[in-house]
PDB file of N, CA and C in Angstrom:
ATOM      1  N   MET A   1     -59.071  13.036  70.765  1.00  0.00           N
ATOM      2  CA  MET A   1     -58.394  11.949  71.095  1.00  0.00           C
ATOM      3  C   MET A   1     -56.957  11.890  70.376  1.00  0.00           C
ATOM      4  N   PRO A   2     -55.695  11.701  70.703  1.00  0.00           N
ATOM      5  CA  PRO A   2     -54.695  11.632  69.965  1.00  0.00           C
ATOM      6  C   PRO A   2     -54.733  10.216  69.264  1.00  0.00           C
ATOM      7  N   ILE A   3     -54.148  10.164  67.815  1.00  0.00           N
ATOM      8  CA  ILE A   3     -54.241   9.234  67.026  1.00  0.00           C
ATOM      9  C   ILE A   3     -52.595   8.410  67.431  1.00  0.00           C
ATOM     10  N   ASN A   4     -52.583   7.344  67.860  1.00  0.00           N
ATOM     11  CA  ASN A   4     -51.204   6.278  67.722  1.00  0.00           C
ATOM     12  C   ASN A   4     -50.669   6.884  66.794  1.00  0.00           C
ATOM     13  N   ALA A   5     -49.004   6.997  66.436  1.00  0.00           N
ATOM     14  CA  ALA A   5     -48.437   7.009  65.273  1.00  0.00           C
ATOM     15  C   ALA A   5     -48.011   5.613  64.765  1.00  0.00           C
ATOM     16  N   THR A   6     -48.138   4.910  65.540  1.00  0.00           N
ATOM     17  CA  THR A   6     -47.808   3.500  64.974  1.00  0.00           C
ATOM     18  C   THR A   6     -49.092   2.824  64.264  1.00  0.00           C
ATOM     19  N   VAL A   7     -50.171   3.287  64.027  1.00  0.00           N
ATOM     20  CA  VAL A   7     -51.502   3.162  63.549  1.00  0.00           C
ATOM     21  C   VAL A   7     -51.246   3.177  62.463  1.00  0.00           C
ATOM     22  N   LYS A   8     -51.693   2.268  61.239  1.00  0.00           N
ATOM     23  CA  LYS A   8     -51.875   2.959  59.867  1.00  0.00           C
ATOM     24  C   LYS A   8     -52.847   3.140  59.586  1.00  0.00           C
ATOM     25  N   LEU A   9     -53.361   4.332  59.051  1.00  0.00           N
ATOM     26  CA  LEU A   9     -54.703   4.770  58.527  1.00  0.00           C
ATOM     27  C   LEU A   9     -55.078   4.108  57.315  1.00  0.00           C
ATOM     28  N   CYS A  10     -56.568   4.135  57.166  1.00  0.00           N
ATOM     29  CA  CYS A  10     -57.322   3.544  56.028  1.00  0.00           C
ATOM     30  C   CYS A  10     -56.696   4.252  55.044  1.00  0.00           C
ATOM     31  N   GLY A  11     -57.202   5.660  54.937  1.00  0.00           N
ATOM     32  CA  GLY A  11     -56.752   6.257  53.759  1.00  0.00           C
ATOM     33  C   GLY A  11     -57.389   6.560  52.574  1.00  0.00           C
ATOM     34  N   ALA A  12     -58.758   5.707  52.705  1.00  0.00           N
ATOM     35  CA  ALA A  12     -59.694   5.915  51.393  1.00  0.00           C
ATOM     36  C   ALA A  12     -60.148   7.251  51.423  1.00  0.00           C
ATOM     37  N   ARG A  13     -60.458   7.557  50.093  1.00  0.00           N
ATOM     38  CA  ARG A  13     -60.807   9.374  49.730  1.00  0.00           C
ATOM     39  C   ARG A  13     -62.391   9.386  49.962  1.00  0.00           C
ATOM     40  N   ALA A  14     -62.883  10.147  50.471  1.00  0.00           N
ATOM     41  CA  ALA A  14     -64.388  10.210  50.429  1.00  0.00           C
ATOM     42  C   ALA A  14     -65.071  11.210  49.237  1.00  0.00           C
ATOM     43  N   ARG A  15     -66.269  10.574  48.804  1.00  0.00           N
ATOM     44  CA  ARG A  15     -66.443  11.381  47.444  1.00  0.00           C
ATOM     45  C   ARG A  15     -67.108  12.817  47.889  1.00  0.00           C
ATOM     46  N   GLN A  16     -67.964  13.069  49.080  1.00  0.00           N
ATOM     47  CA  GLN A  16     -68.059  14.259  49.789  1.00  0.00           C
ATOM     48  C   GLN A  16     -66.711  14.627  50.721  1.00  0.00           C
ATOM     49  N   ASN A  17     -67.258  15.669  51.502  1.00  0.00           N
ATOM     50  CA  ASN A  17     -66.231  16.181  52.558  1.00  0.00           C
ATOM     51  C   ASN A  17     -65.135  16.619  52.042  1.00  0.00           C
ATOM     52  N   ASN A  18     -65.136  17.070  50.511  1.00  0.00           N
ATOM     53  CA  ASN A  18     -63.647  17.460  49.911  1.00  0.00           C
ATOM     54  C   ASN A  18     -62.769  16.611  49.803  1.00  0.00           C
ATOM     55  N   HIS A  19     -63.213  15.405  49.438  1.00  0.00           N
ATOM     56  CA  HIS A  19     -61.877  14.123  49.283  1.00  0.00           C
ATOM     57  C   HIS A  19     -61.121  13.931  50.302  1.00  0.00           C
ATOM     58  N   GLN A  20     -61.601  14.276  51.844  1.00  0.00           N
ATOM     59  CA  GLN A  20     -60.714  14.103  52.679  1.00  0.00           C
ATOM     60  C   GLN A  20     -60.556  12.692  53.263  1.00  0.00           C
ATOM     61  N   PRO A  21     -59.234  12.180  53.508  1.00  0.00           N
ATOM     62  CA  PRO A  21     -59.121  10.726  53.519  1.00  0.00           C
ATOM     63  C   PRO A  21     -59.687  10.188  55.139  1.00  0.00           C
ATOM     64  N   CYS A  22     -60.201   8.919  54.781  1.00  0.00           N
ATOM     65  CA  CYS A  22     -60.822   8.357  56.003  1.00  0.00           C
ATOM     66  C   CYS A  22     -59.906   8.315  57.196  1.00  0.00           C
ATOM     67  N   ARG A  23     -60.395   8.612  58.534  1.00  0.00           N
ATOM     68  CA  ARG A  23     -59.519   8.329  59.626  1.00  0.00           C
ATOM     69  C   ARG A  23     -59.278   7.476  60.493  1.00  0.00           C
ATOM     70  N   GLN A  24     -60.102   5.986  59.907  1.00  0.00           N
ATOM     71  CA  GLN A  24     -60.038   4.745  60.833  1.00  0.00           C
ATOM     72  C   GLN A  24     -58.729   4.494  60.525  1.00  0.00           C
ATOM     73  N   PRO A  25     -58.623   3.341  61.635  1.00  0.00           N
ATOM     74  CA  PRO A  25     -57.187   2.682  61.856  1.00  0.00           C
ATOM     75  C   PRO A  25     -57.617   1.774  60.549  1.00  0.00           C
ATOM     76  N   ALA A  26     -56.841   1.368  59.977  1.00  0.00           N
ATOM     77  CA  ALA A  26     -56.769   0.071  58.881  1.00  0.00           C
ATOM     78  C   ALA A  26     -56.421  -1.089  59.523  1.00  0.00           C
ATOM     79  N   MET A  27     -57.237  -2.130  59.090  1.00  0.00           N
ATOM     80  CA  MET A  27     -57.268  -3.596  59.642  1.00  0.00           C
ATOM     81  C   MET A  27     -55.787  -4.282  59.576  1.00  0.00           C
ATOM     82  N   ARG A  28     -55.657  -4.988  60.616  1.00  0.00           N
ATOM     83  CA  ARG A  28     -54.227  -5.696  60.732  1.00  0.00           C
ATOM     84  C   ARG A  28     -53.940  -6.302  59.331  1.00  0.00           C
ATOM     85  N   ASP A  29     -52.731  -5.998  58.635  1.00  0.00           N
ATOM     86  CA  ASP A  29     -52.366  -6.666  57.119  1.00  0.00           C
ATOM     87  C   ASP A  29     -53.237  -6.281  56.382  1.00  0.00           C
ATOM     88  N   LYS A  30     -53.888  -4.616  56.299  1.00  0.00           N
ATOM     89  CA  LYS A  30     -54.770  -4.499  55.153  1.00  0.00           C
ATOM     90  C   LYS A  30     -54.270  -3.142  54.929  1.00  0.00           C
ATOM     91  N   ALA A  31     -54.854  -2.677  53.987  1.00  0.00           N
ATOM     92  CA  ALA A  31     -54.603  -0.930  53.730  1.00  0.00           C
ATOM     93  C   ALA A  31     -56.055  -0.480  53.989  1.00  0.00           C
ATOM     94  N   ARG A  32     -56.777  -0.792  54.116  1.00  0.00           N
ATOM     95  CA  ARG A  32     -58.016  -0.336  54.509  1.00  0.00           C
ATOM     96  C   ARG A  32     -58.776  -0.854  55.728  1.00  0.00           C
ATOM     97  N   CYS A  33     -59.966  -0.005  56.071  1.00  0.00           N
ATOM     98  CA  CYS A  33     -60.591   0.105  57.573  1.00  0.00           C
ATOM     99  C   CYS A  33     -61.593  -0.832  56.936  1.00  0.00           C
ATOM    100  N   ARG A  34     -62.471  -1.730  58.246  1.00  0.00           N
ATOM    101  CA  ARG A  34     -63.407  -2.198  57.971  1.00  0.00           C
ATOM    102  C   ARG A  34     -64.490  -1.881  57.241  1.00  0.00           C
ATOM    103  N   LEU A  35     -65.155  -0.714  56.990  1.00  0.00           N
ATOM    104  CA  LEU A  35     -65.922   0.261  56.174  1.00  0.00           C
ATOM    105  C   LEU A  35     -65.512   0.320  54.905  1.00  0.00           C
ATOM    106  N   HIS A  36     -64.460   0.184  54.618  1.00  0.00           N
ATOM    107  CA  HIS A  36     -63.594   0.258  53.439  1.00  0.00           C
ATOM    108  C   HIS A  36     -63.141  -0.494  52.407  1.00  0.00           C
ATOM    109  N   GLY A  37     -63.751  -2.022  52.998  1.00  0.00           N
ATOM    110  CA  GLY A  37     -63.080  -3.130  52.291  1.00  0.00           C
ATOM    111  C   GLY A  37     -62.063  -4.051  52.990  1.00  0.00           C
ATOM    112  N   GLY A  38     -61.741  -3.803  53.964  1.00  0.00           N
ATOM    113  CA  GLY A  38     -60.377  -4.208  54.818  1.00  0.00           C
ATOM    114  C   GLY A  38     -61.152  -5.965  55.071  1.00  0.00           C
ATOM    115  N   LYS A  39     -62.450  -5.913  55.253  1.00  0.00           N
ATOM    116  CA  LYS A  39     -62.837  -7.638  55.426  1.00  0.00           C
ATOM    117  C   LYS A  39     -63.156  -8.278  54.554  1.00  0.00           C
ATOM    118  N   CYS A  40     -63.321  -7.538  53.138  1.00  0.00           N
ATOM    119  CA  CYS A  40     -63.891  -8.056  52.003  1.00  0.00           C
ATOM    120  C   CYS A  40     -62.614  -8.818  51.810  1.00  0.00           C
ATOM    121  N   THR A  41     -62.451 -10.385  51.433  1.00  0.00           N
ATOM    122  CA  THR A  41     -61.828 -10.936  50.931  1.00  0.00           C
ATOM    123  C   THR A  41     -61.858 -11.712  49.509  1.00  0.00           C
ATOM    124  N   GLY A  42     -62.972 -11.788  49.060  1.00  0.00           N
ATOM    125  CA  GLY A  42     -63.525 -12.283  47.734  1.00  0.00           C
ATOM    126  C   GLY A  42     -63.745 -13.705  48.252  1.00  0.00           C
ATOM    127  N   ALA A  43     -64.331 -14.572  46.952  1.00  0.00           N
ATOM    128  CA  ALA A  43     -64.557 -15.989  47.033  1.00  0.00           C
ATOM    129  C   ALA A  43     -63.188 -16.881  47.148  1.00  0.00           C
ATOM    130  N   LYS A  44     -63.389 -17.707  47.643  1.00  0.00           N
ATOM    131  CA  LYS A  44     -62.147 -18.699  47.760  1.00  0.00           C
ATOM    132  C   LYS A  44     -62.049 -19.843  47.140  1.00  0.00           C
ATOM    133  N   THR A  45     -63.340 -20.672  47.179  1.00  0.00           N
ATOM    134  CA  THR A  45     -63.655 -21.690  46.707  1.00  0.00           C
ATOM    135  C   THR A  45     -64.157 -21.767  45.126  1.00  0.00           C
ATOM    136  N   LYS A  46     -64.105 -22.559  44.599  1.00  0.00           N
ATOM    137  CA  LYS A  46     -64.158 -22.576  43.373  1.00  0.00           C
ATOM    138  C   LYS A  46     -65.913 -22.825  43.132  1.00  0.00           C
ATOM    139  N   GLU A  47     -66.573 -23.417  44.016  1.00  0.00           N
ATOM    140  CA  GLU A  47     -67.955 -23.230  43.961  1.00  0.00           C
ATOM    141  C   GLU A  47     -68.121 -21.751  44.418  1.00  0.00           C
ATOM    142  N   GLY A  48     -67.709 -20.896  45.262  1.00  0.00           N
ATOM    143  CA  GLY A  48     -67.811 -19.548  45.410  1.00  0.00           C
ATOM    144  C   GLY A  48     -67.651 -18.701  44.475  1.00  0.00           C
ATOM    145  N   LYS A  49     -66.582 -19.065  43.765  1.00  0.00           N
ATOM    146  CA  LYS A  49     -66.221 -17.913  42.399  1.00  0.00           C
ATOM    147  C   LYS A  49     -67.387 -18.161  41.550  1.00  0.00           C
ATOM    148  N   ILE A  50     -67.862 -19.491  41.343  1.00  0.00           N
ATOM    149  CA  ILE A  50     -69.290 -19.554  40.336  1.00  0.00           C
ATOM    150  C   ILE A  50     -70.259 -18.543  40.785  1.00  0.00           C
ATOM    151  N   ARG A  51     -70.356 -18.826  41.928  1.00  0.00           N
ATOM    152  CA  ARG A  51     -71.750 -18.019  42.467  1.00  0.00           C
ATOM    153  C   ARG A  51     -71.609 -16.823  42.535  1.00  0.00           C
ATOM    154  N   SER A  52     -70.363 -16.534  42.483  1.00  0.00           N
ATOM    155  CA  SER A  52     -70.394 -14.569  42.416  1.00  0.00           C
ATOM    156  C   SER A  52     -70.433 -14.399  41.076  1.00  0.00           C
ATOM    157  N   ALA A  53     -69.792 -15.170  39.979  1.00  0.00           N
ATOM    158  CA  ALA A  53     -69.835 -14.900  38.681  1.00  0.00           C
ATOM    159  C   ALA A  53     -71.100 -14.780  38.046  1.00  0.00           C
ATOM    160  N   LYS A  54     -72.166 -15.655  38.724  1.00  0.00           N
ATOM    161  CA  LYS A  54     -73.422 -15.825  38.513  1.00  0.00           C
ATOM    162  C   LYS A  54     -74.190 -14.687  39.013  1.00  0.00           C
ATOM    163  N   ALA A  55     -73.773 -14.102  40.250  1.00  0.00           N
ATOM    164  CA  ALA A  55     -74.390 -13.101  40.471  1.00  0.00           C
ATOM    165  C   ALA A  55     -74.355 -11.982  39.915  1.00  0.00           C
ATOM    166  N   ASN A  56     -73.297 -11.530  39.216  1.00  0.00           N
ATOM    167  CA  ASN A  56     -72.777 -10.623  38.540  1.00  0.00           C
ATOM    168  C   ASN A  56     -73.343 -10.549  37.172  1.00  0.00           C
ATOM    169  N   LEU A  57     -73.921 -11.891  36.888  1.00  0.00           N
ATOM    170  CA  LEU A  57     -74.262 -11.668  35.158  1.00  0.00           C
ATOM    171  C   LEU A  57     -75.393 -10.939  35.127  1.00  0.00           C
ATOM    172  N   LYS A  58     -75.770  -9.912  34.127  1.00  0.00           N
ATOM    173  CA  LYS A  58     -76.760  -9.132  34.170  1.00  0.00           C
ATOM    174  C   LYS A  58     -77.686  -9.642  32.866  1.00  0.00           C
ATOM    175  N   HIS A  59     -77.515  -9.798  31.644  1.00  0.00           N
ATOM    176  CA  HIS A  59     -78.028 -10.538  30.394  1.00  0.00           C
ATOM    177  C   HIS A  59     -77.644 -11.522  29.642  1.00  0.00           C
ATOM    178  N   GLY A  60     -76.368 -12.047  30.071  1.00  0.00           N
ATOM    179  CA  GLY A  60     -75.880 -12.950  29.274  1.00  0.00           C
ATOM    180  C   GLY A  60     -75.676 -12.762  27.760  1.00  0.00           C
ATOM    181  N   PHE A  61     -75.810 -11.887  27.177  1.00  0.00           N
ATOM    182  CA  PHE A  61     -75.540 -11.546  25.474  1.00  0.00           C
ATOM    183  C   PHE A  61     -74.568 -11.910  25.324  1.00  0.00           C
ATOM    184  N   TYR A  62     -73.133 -11.744  25.894  1.00  0.00           N
ATOM    185  CA  TYR A  62     -71.774 -11.811  25.071  1.00  0.00           C
ATOM    186  C   TYR A  62     -71.114 -12.984  26.099  1.00  0.00           C
ATOM    187  N   THR A  63     -72.063 -13.573  26.713  1.00  0.00           N
ATOM    188  CA  THR A  63     -71.198 -15.141  27.123  1.00  0.00           C
ATOM    189  C   THR A  63     -70.851 -15.868  25.820  1.00  0.00           C
ATOM    190  N   LYS A  64     -69.799 -16.598  26.309  1.00  0.00           N
ATOM    191  CA  LYS A  64     -69.180 -17.630  25.435  1.00  0.00           C
ATOM    192  C   LYS A  64     -70.244 -18.445  24.351  1.00  0.00           C
ATOM    193  N   GLU A  65     -71.684 -18.800  25.298  1.00  0.00           N
ATOM    194  CA  GLU A  65     -72.223 -19.342  24.463  1.00  0.00           C
ATOM    195  C   GLU A  65     -73.186 -18.673  23.337  1.00  0.00           C
ATOM    196  N   ALA A  66     -73.732 -17.761  23.965  1.00  0.00           N
ATOM    197  CA  ALA A  66     -74.726 -16.868  23.547  1.00  0.00           C
ATOM    198  C   ALA A  66     -73.835 -16.489  21.957  1.00  0.00           C
ATOM    199  N   LEU A  67     -72.371 -16.013  22.010  1.00  0.00           N
ATOM    200  CA  LEU A  67     -71.705 -15.412  20.850  1.00  0.00           C
ATOM    201  C   LEU A  67     -71.327 -16.841  20.007  1.00  0.00           C
ATOM    202  N   ALA A  68     -71.174 -18.093  20.472  1.00  0.00           N
ATOM    203  CA  ALA A  68     -70.720 -19.297  19.649  1.00  0.00           C
ATOM    204  C   ALA A  68     -72.487 -19.656  19.114  1.00  0.00           C
ATOM    205  N   GLU A  69     -73.632 -19.269  19.860  1.00  0.00           N
ATOM    206  CA  GLU A  69     -75.008 -19.995  19.305  1.00  0.00           C
ATOM    207  C   GLU A  69     -75.319 -18.648  18.215  1.00  0.00           C
ATOM    208  N   ARG A  70     -74.868 -17.093  18.249  1.00  0.00           N
ATOM    209  CA  ARG A  70     -75.510 -16.622  17.041  1.00  0.00           C
ATOM    210  C   ARG A  70     -74.417 -16.935  16.092  1.00  0.00           C
ATOM    211  N   GLU A  71     -73.221 -17.069  16.109  1.00  0.00           N
ATOM    212  CA  GLU A  71     -72.201 -17.725  15.122  1.00  0.00           C
ATOM    213  C   GLU A  71     -72.781 -19.048  14.326  1.00  0.00           C
ATOM    214  N   LEU A  72     -73.221 -19.473  14.811  1.00  0.00           N
ATOM    215  CA  LEU A  72     -73.811 -20.778  14.355  1.00  0.00           C
ATOM    216  C   LEU A  72     -75.005 -20.352  13.258  1.00  0.00           C
ATOM    217  N   MET A  73     -75.791 -19.809  14.009  1.00  0.00           N
ATOM    218  CA  MET A  73     -76.718 -19.246  13.208  1.00  0.00           C
ATOM    219  C   MET A  73     -77.080 -18.641  12.016  1.00  0.00           C
ATOM    220  N   ARG A  74     -75.479 -17.763  11.923  1.00  0.00           N
ATOM    221  CA  ARG A  74     -75.126 -16.973  10.643  1.00  0.00           C
ATOM    222  C   ARG A  74     -74.361 -18.037   9.697  1.00  0.00           C
ATOM    223  N   GLU A  75     -73.811 -19.027  10.338  1.00  0.00           N
ATOM    224  CA  GLU A  75     -73.575 -20.243   9.389  1.00  0.00           C
ATOM    225  C   GLU A  75     -74.259 -20.729   8.758  1.00  0.00           C
ATOM    226  N   MET A  76     -75.349 -21.340   9.458  1.00  0.00           N
ATOM    227  CA  MET A  76     -76.647 -21.850   8.970  1.00  0.00           C
ATOM    228  C   MET A  76     -77.330 -21.171   7.769  1.00  0.00           C
ATOM    229  N   LEU A  77     -77.514 -19.711   8.351  1.00  0.00           N
ATOM    230  CA  LEU A  77     -78.305 -18.981   7.108  1.00  0.00           C
ATOM    231  C   LEU A  77     -77.392 -18.810   6.016  1.00  0.00           C
ATOM    232  N   LYS A  78     -76.089 -18.670   5.851  1.00  0.00           N
ATOM    233  CA  LYS A  78     -75.209 -18.625   4.726  1.00  0.00           C
ATOM    234  C   LYS A  78     -75.445 -20.049   4.158  1.00  0.00           C
ATOM    235  N   TRP A  79     -75.187 -21.228   4.928  1.00  0.00           N
ATOM    236  CA  TRP A  79     -75.467 -22.214   3.899  1.00  0.00           C
ATOM    237  C   TRP A  79     -76.707 -22.349   3.202  1.00  0.00           C
ATOM    238  N   ARG A  80     -77.914 -21.783   3.804  1.00  0.00           N
ATOM    239  CA  ARG A  80     -79.305 -21.932   3.281  1.00  0.00           C
ATOM    240  C   ARG A  80     -79.304 -21.038   2.021  1.00  0.00           C
ATOM    241  N   ASP A  81     -78.508 -19.871   2.232  1.00  0.00           N
ATOM    242  CA  ASP A  81     -78.777 -18.764   1.196  1.00  0.00           C
ATOM    243  C   ASP A  81     -78.028 -19.574   0.128  1.00  0.00           C
ATOM    244  N   ASN A  82     -76.596 -20.113   0.389  1.00  0.00           N
ATOM    245  CA  ASN A  82     -76.084 -20.967  -1.125  1.00  0.00           C
ATOM    246  C   ASN A  82     -76.768 -22.281  -1.344  1.00  0.00           C
ATOM    247  N   LEU A  83     -77.162 -22.909  -0.487  1.00  0.00           N
ATOM    248  CA  LEU A  83     -78.105 -23.669  -1.010  1.00  0.00           C
ATOM    249  C   LEU A  83     -79.359 -23.530  -2.115  1.00  0.00           C
ATOM    250  N   GLU A  84     -80.080 -22.266  -1.737  1.00  0.00           N
ATOM    251  CA  GLU A  84     -81.000 -21.784  -2.509  1.00  0.00           C
ATOM    252  C   GLU A  84     -80.790 -21.169  -3.860  1.00  0.00           C
ATOM    253  N   CYS A  85     -79.375 -20.717  -3.876  1.00  0.00           N
ATOM    254  CA  CYS A  85     -78.731 -20.360  -4.923  1.00  0.00           C
ATOM    255  C   CYS A  85     -78.359 -21.508  -5.783  1.00  0.00           C
ATOM    256  N   LEU A  86     -77.985 -22.336  -5.511  1.00  0.00           N
ATOM    257  CA  LEU A  86     -78.119 -23.677  -6.473  1.00  0.00           C
ATOM    258  C   LEU A  86     -79.443 -24.385  -6.987  1.00  0.00           C
ATOM    259  N   LEU A  87     -80.282 -24.196  -6.534  1.00  0.00           N
ATOM    260  CA  LEU A  87     -81.629 -25.025  -6.797  1.00  0.00           C
ATOM    261  C   LEU A  87     -82.011 -23.705  -7.924  1.00  0.00           C
TER     262      LEU A  87
END
């Protein structure tokens, strides 16, 4: 079947198949086909963005709250050590 010359192709590269480009037509006003992310628009609302961020959280070790809590603990330990030196 001949491909229409006016249709923009997806062009996403395959990991297999010798990195050949995808031959599916791209979605309207998008660069990729529906299989390679053309439908994906991401979260638009504030609630959706928060939900998306929580879904990607793996352990929380480097969150702002965790870093602040560890810094506070270090300061408390320094204060305790200095107090023990004075006594």
